[in-house]
Amino acid sequence: MVISTTSVWDEVADGIAAESVIEYEKATVYGDYKQERVLHQGRIRLLPNGWIALPTGRLLSPEAVHHIDP
């Protein structure tokens, strides 16, 4: 019998998460429908859980973002 010391679920989760990340080089993130409140302009990463990662290391909540114009 062979027993692995690593979890199969960790490997599967890492693969799914890496494939689900969407990166935009030039995007505008808006906080309202009328496009008056700009939360960020520039490079972003849209994570699988809906959060937006900024180049500064900050995260924007999905609840704070109305829409993204890539």
Protein backbone atom coordinates (compact mmCIF):
# COMPACT_ATOMS: atom_id res chain seq x y z
CA MET A 1 0.00 0.00 0.00
CA VAL A 2 1.24 3.49 -0.89
CA ILE A 3 0.22 6.45 1.24
CA SER A 4 0.76 9.99 0.03
CA THR A 5 1.77 12.77 2.40
CA THR A 6 0.10 15.44 0.26
CA SER A 7 -3.62 16.02 -0.06
CA VAL A 8 -5.19 15.44 -3.45
CA TRP A 9 -7.77 18.15 -2.72
CA ASP A 10 -5.05 20.79 -2.29
CA GLU A 11 -3.66 19.99 -5.72
CA VAL A 12 -7.10 20.07 -7.34
CA ALA A 13 -8.03 23.35 -5.63
CA ASP A 14 -4.77 25.00 -6.70
CA GLY A 15 -5.35 23.96 -10.31
CA ILE A 16 -8.91 25.23 -10.38
CA ALA A 17 -8.03 28.51 -8.68
CA ALA A 18 -5.15 29.22 -11.06
CA GLU A 19 -7.32 28.61 -14.11
CA SER A 20 -10.21 30.73 -12.80
CA VAL A 21 -8.24 33.95 -12.23
CA ILE A 22 -8.94 36.59 -14.90
CA GLU A 23 -6.37 39.32 -15.39
CA TYR A 24 -6.95 42.69 -17.05
CA GLU A 25 -4.08 45.02 -17.97
CA LYS A 26 -6.26 48.10 -18.40
CA ALA A 27 -9.57 48.09 -16.57
CA THR A 28 -11.79 50.56 -14.78
CA VAL A 29 -13.63 49.39 -11.67
CA TYR A 30 -16.79 51.33 -10.85
CA GLY A 31 -18.67 51.46 -7.57
CA ASP A 32 -21.95 52.77 -8.98
CA TYR A 33 -24.26 52.45 -11.98
CA LYS A 34 -23.74 56.00 -13.26
CA GLN A 35 -19.97 55.48 -13.49
CA GLU A 36 -19.29 58.48 -11.25
CA ARG A 37 -17.39 56.61 -8.53
CA VAL A 38 -14.19 55.09 -9.92
CA LEU A 39 -12.65 52.66 -7.45
CA HIS A 40 -9.57 51.77 -9.53
CA GLN A 41 -8.05 52.20 -12.98
CA GLY A 42 -5.31 49.99 -14.30
CA ARG A 43 -4.24 46.39 -13.85
CA ILE A 44 -6.49 44.03 -11.83
CA ARG A 45 -6.95 40.34 -11.13
CA LEU A 46 -10.49 39.00 -10.76
CA LEU A 47 -10.32 36.10 -8.32
CA PRO A 48 -12.61 33.04 -8.44
CA ASN A 49 -14.43 34.14 -5.27
CA GLY A 50 -15.38 37.50 -6.88
CA TRP A 51 -12.83 39.66 -5.05
CA ILE A 52 -10.61 41.96 -7.09
CA ALA A 53 -6.89 42.01 -6.37
CA LEU A 54 -5.08 45.28 -7.05
CA PRO A 55 -1.35 45.58 -7.81
CA THR A 56 -0.85 47.28 -4.43
CA GLY A 57 -1.97 44.10 -2.64
CA ARG A 58 -5.34 45.52 -1.63
CA LEU A 59 -8.57 43.64 -2.33
CA LEU A 60 -11.91 45.07 -3.41
CA SER A 61 -15.02 43.32 -2.14
CA PRO A 62 -17.57 42.09 -4.69
CA GLU A 63 -20.18 44.06 -2.72
CA ALA A 64 -18.29 47.33 -3.30
CA VAL A 65 -17.95 46.87 -7.06
CA HIS A 66 -20.83 47.60 -9.41
CA HIS A 67 -19.10 46.65 -12.65
CA ILE A 68 -15.77 46.45 -14.47
CA ASP A 69 -14.98 47.89 -17.90
CA PRO A 70 -12.01 45.96 -19.31
